[in-house]
Amino acid sequence: MLVTPRLLVLDDDTAILALLRSYFGGLGWSVEVCTAAPDGLSLIDRDPFDAVICDLNLGPGRLGEGFDVISHVRRQRPAAAVLLFTASGEGVRAAALRAGADEVITKPSPMASLRDATLRAMRKS
């Protein structure tokens, strides 16, 4: 029996959410999306996701919230893969990996690269 991968995407850009939902959904994945960290944290607490893709900054005045999401996933769902998907520079990479991210992907990135990074992170977790 094939298991459908479950993915949560957190980003304040609704166009990115729609793109990732369409892309991964087209691959047969079950995809949940949200624009705010509190909503994402509630979903993480409630549902067992195989992977979480999170932006670093989830809106104006919400700088660095992606790190909070990474830490929360590591505490609540340690088996889940966590990817930081960000337009921020290389300096963020080391901090994200220290915080517990499995992969850090820079925006913009080809969908196939994001898919490959997500699968790689899921194999690690």
C-alpha atoms as a PDB file:
ATOM      1  CA  MET A   1       0.000   0.000   0.000  1.00  0.00           C
ATOM      2  CA  LEU A   2       1.329   3.453  -0.940  1.00  0.00           C
ATOM      3  CA  VAL A   3       1.288   6.124   1.724  1.00  0.00           C
ATOM      4  CA  THR A   4       0.422   9.665   0.672  1.00  0.00           C
ATOM      5  CA  PRO A   5       3.054  12.106   2.002  1.00  0.00           C
ATOM      6  CA  ARG A   6       1.591  14.846   4.207  1.00  0.00           C
ATOM      7  CA  LEU A   7       3.079  18.314   3.795  1.00  0.00           C
ATOM      8  CA  LEU A   8       2.526  21.573   5.678  1.00  0.00           C
ATOM      9  CA  VAL A   9       3.650  24.829   4.040  1.00  0.00           C
ATOM     10  CA  LEU A  10       3.872  28.099   6.001  1.00  0.00           C
ATOM     11  CA  ASP A  11       4.467  31.321   4.073  1.00  0.00           C
ATOM     12  CA  ASP A  12       2.978  34.807   4.192  1.00  0.00           C
ATOM     13  CA  ASP A  13       2.929  34.953   0.381  1.00  0.00           C
ATOM     14  CA  THR A  14      -0.345  33.415  -0.769  1.00  0.00           C
ATOM     15  CA  ALA A  15       0.962  33.054  -4.345  1.00  0.00           C
ATOM     16  CA  ILE A  16       3.778  30.823  -3.083  1.00  0.00           C
ATOM     17  CA  LEU A  17       1.297  28.818  -1.022  1.00  0.00           C
ATOM     18  CA  ALA A  18      -0.913  28.302  -4.077  1.00  0.00           C
ATOM     19  CA  LEU A  19       2.072  27.304  -6.216  1.00  0.00           C
ATOM     20  CA  LEU A  20       3.396  24.769  -3.697  1.00  0.00           C
ATOM     21  CA  ARG A  21      -0.075  23.371  -2.996  1.00  0.00           C
ATOM     22  CA  SER A  22      -0.639  22.879  -6.720  1.00  0.00           C
ATOM     23  CA  TYR A  23       2.809  21.433  -7.400  1.00  0.00           C
ATOM     24  CA  PHE A  24       2.984  18.966  -4.500  1.00  0.00           C
ATOM     25  CA  GLY A  25      -0.729  18.183  -4.776  1.00  0.00           C
ATOM     26  CA  GLY A  26      -0.132  17.316  -8.423  1.00  0.00           C
ATOM     27  CA  LEU A  27       2.479  14.835  -7.240  1.00  0.00           C
ATOM     28  CA  GLY A  28      -0.193  13.145  -5.132  1.00  0.00           C
ATOM     29  CA  TRP A  29       0.785  14.689  -1.804  1.00  0.00           C
ATOM     30  CA  SER A  30      -1.705  15.860   0.824  1.00  0.00           C
ATOM     31  CA  VAL A  31      -0.887  19.553   1.335  1.00  0.00           C
ATOM     32  CA  GLU A  32      -2.020  21.977   4.046  1.00  0.00           C
ATOM     33  CA  VAL A  33      -1.045  25.644   3.848  1.00  0.00           C
ATOM     34  CA  CYS A  34      -1.196  28.585   6.227  1.00  0.00           C
ATOM     35  CA  THR A  35       0.080  32.143   6.382  1.00  0.00           C
ATOM     36  CA  ALA A  36       0.662  32.560  10.117  1.00  0.00           C
ATOM     37  CA  ALA A  37       2.885  30.783  12.605  1.00  0.00           C
ATOM     38  CA  PRO A  38       0.189  30.320  15.300  1.00  0.00           C
ATOM     39  CA  ASP A  39      -2.068  28.537  12.800  1.00  0.00           C
ATOM     40  CA  GLY A  40       0.826  26.392  11.604  1.00  0.00           C
ATOM     41  CA  LEU A  41       1.811  25.467  15.159  1.00  0.00           C
ATOM     42  CA  SER A  42      -1.765  24.369  15.862  1.00  0.00           C
ATOM     43  CA  LEU A  43      -1.759  22.181  12.758  1.00  0.00           C
ATOM     44  CA  ILE A  44       1.596  20.664  13.753  1.00  0.00           C
ATOM     45  CA  ASP A  45       0.206  19.843  17.203  1.00  0.00           C
ATOM     46  CA  ARG A  46      -2.926  18.283  15.714  1.00  0.00           C
ATOM     47  CA  ASP A  47      -1.681  16.436  12.625  1.00  0.00           C
ATOM     48  CA  PRO A  48       1.347  14.238  11.903  1.00  0.00           C
ATOM     49  CA  PHE A  49       3.024  15.792   8.851  1.00  0.00           C
ATOM     50  CA  ASP A  50       5.852  14.050   7.027  1.00  0.00           C
ATOM     51  CA  ALA A  51       7.406  17.385   6.122  1.00  0.00           C
ATOM     52  CA  VAL A  52       7.068  21.076   6.945  1.00  0.00           C
ATOM     53  CA  ILE A  53       8.275  23.793   4.574  1.00  0.00           C
ATOM     54  CA  CYS A  54       8.441  27.170   6.283  1.00  0.00           C
ATOM     55  CA  ASP A  55       9.422  30.682   5.302  1.00  0.00           C
ATOM     56  CA  LEU A  56      11.759  32.506   7.684  1.00  0.00           C
ATOM     57  CA  ASN A  57       9.734  35.713   7.933  1.00  0.00           C
ATOM     58  CA  LEU A  58       5.998  35.187   8.065  1.00  0.00           C
ATOM     59  CA  GLY A  59       4.921  38.759   7.461  1.00  0.00           C
ATOM     60  CA  PRO A  60       5.648  42.317   8.559  1.00  0.00           C
ATOM     61  CA  GLY A  61       6.708  42.400  12.187  1.00  0.00           C
ATOM     62  CA  ARG A  62       7.142  38.636  12.178  1.00  0.00           C
ATOM     63  CA  LEU A  63      10.834  38.442  11.427  1.00  0.00           C
ATOM     64  CA  GLY A  64      12.447  35.113  12.202  1.00  0.00           C
ATOM     65  CA  GLU A  65       9.221  33.273  13.059  1.00  0.00           C
ATOM     66  CA  GLY A  66      10.422  30.392  10.902  1.00  0.00           C
ATOM     67  CA  PHE A  67      12.957  29.565  13.620  1.00  0.00           C
ATOM     68  CA  ASP A  68      10.100  29.253  16.131  1.00  0.00           C
ATOM     69  CA  VAL A  69       8.332  26.856  13.774  1.00  0.00           C
ATOM     70  CA  ILE A  70      11.486  24.762  13.331  1.00  0.00           C
ATOM     71  CA  SER A  71      11.955  24.492  17.108  1.00  0.00           C
ATOM     72  CA  HIS A  72       8.303  23.600  17.621  1.00  0.00           C
ATOM     73  CA  VAL A  73       8.401  20.850  14.996  1.00  0.00           C
ATOM     74  CA  ARG A  74      11.563  19.408  16.566  1.00  0.00           C
ATOM     75  CA  ARG A  75       9.854  19.282  19.989  1.00  0.00           C
ATOM     76  CA  GLN A  76       6.403  18.089  18.894  1.00  0.00           C
ATOM     77  CA  ARG A  77       7.078  16.024  15.746  1.00  0.00           C
ATOM     78  CA  PRO A  78      10.775  15.040  15.802  1.00  0.00           C
ATOM     79  CA  ALA A  79      10.319  12.547  12.946  1.00  0.00           C
ATOM     80  CA  ALA A  80       9.028  15.224  10.543  1.00  0.00           C
ATOM     81  CA  ALA A  81      11.357  16.730   7.965  1.00  0.00           C
ATOM     82  CA  VAL A  82      11.726  20.509   8.281  1.00  0.00           C
ATOM     83  CA  LEU A  83      12.829  22.787   5.466  1.00  0.00           C
ATOM     84  CA  LEU A  84      13.383  26.522   5.653  1.00  0.00           C
ATOM     85  CA  PHE A  85      12.383  28.151   2.341  1.00  0.00           C
ATOM     86  CA  THR A  86      13.677  31.708   2.407  1.00  0.00           C
ATOM     87  CA  ALA A  87      14.826  34.677   0.367  1.00  0.00           C
ATOM     88  CA  SER A  88      17.269  35.578   3.150  1.00  0.00           C
ATOM     89  CA  GLY A  89      20.989  35.295   2.591  1.00  0.00           C
ATOM     90  CA  GLU A  90      23.566  32.615   3.306  1.00  0.00           C
ATOM     91  CA  GLY A  91      23.991  33.770   6.919  1.00  0.00           C
ATOM     92  CA  VAL A  92      20.582  32.313   7.733  1.00  0.00           C
ATOM     93  CA  ARG A  93      21.589  28.821   6.565  1.00  0.00           C
ATOM     94  CA  ALA A  94      23.888  27.986   9.491  1.00  0.00           C
ATOM     95  CA  ALA A  95      21.417  29.351  12.048  1.00  0.00           C
ATOM     96  CA  ALA A  96      18.553  27.356  10.511  1.00  0.00           C
ATOM     97  CA  LEU A  97      20.554  24.132  10.528  1.00  0.00           C
ATOM     98  CA  ARG A  98      21.562  24.744  14.164  1.00  0.00           C
ATOM     99  CA  ALA A  99      17.879  25.334  14.999  1.00  0.00           C
ATOM    100  CA  GLY A 100      17.019  21.913  13.576  1.00  0.00           C
ATOM    101  CA  ALA A 101      16.169  22.443   9.900  1.00  0.00           C
ATOM    102  CA  ASP A 102      17.048  19.484   7.699  1.00  0.00           C
ATOM    103  CA  GLU A 103      17.435  21.634   4.578  1.00  0.00           C
ATOM    104  CA  VAL A 104      17.563  25.319   3.702  1.00  0.00           C
ATOM    105  CA  ILE A 105      16.322  26.281   0.241  1.00  0.00           C
ATOM    106  CA  THR A 106      16.756  29.771  -1.170  1.00  0.00           C
ATOM    107  CA  LYS A 107      13.861  31.515  -2.921  1.00  0.00           C
ATOM    108  CA  PRO A 108      13.379  31.491  -5.813  1.00  0.00           C
ATOM    109  CA  SER A 109      14.158  27.868  -6.489  1.00  0.00           C
ATOM    110  CA  PRO A 110      12.949  25.454  -9.167  1.00  0.00           C
ATOM    111  CA  MET A 111      10.080  23.287  -7.957  1.00  0.00           C
ATOM    112  CA  ALA A 112      12.033  20.130  -8.777  1.00  0.00           C
ATOM    113  CA  SER A 113      14.853  21.315  -6.493  1.00  0.00           C
ATOM    114  CA  LEU A 114      12.407  21.954  -3.657  1.00  0.00           C
ATOM    115  CA  ARG A 115      10.809  18.547  -4.228  1.00  0.00           C
ATOM    116  CA  ASP A 116      14.219  16.830  -4.198  1.00  0.00           C
ATOM    117  CA  ALA A 117      15.258  18.663  -1.027  1.00  0.00           C
ATOM    118  CA  THR A 118      11.980  17.705   0.652  1.00  0.00           C
ATOM    119  CA  LEU A 119      12.392  14.031  -0.266  1.00  0.00           C
ATOM    120  CA  ARG A 120      16.021  14.101   0.893  1.00  0.00           C
ATOM    121  CA  ALA A 121      14.984  15.639   4.223  1.00  0.00           C
ATOM    122  CA  MET A 122      12.227  13.039   4.650  1.00  0.00           C
ATOM    123  CA  ARG A 123      14.762  10.250   4.163  1.00  0.00           C
ATOM    124  CA  LYS A 124      17.001  11.808   6.851  1.00  0.00           C
ATOM    125  CA  SER A 125      14.198  12.143   9.397  1.00  0.00           C
END
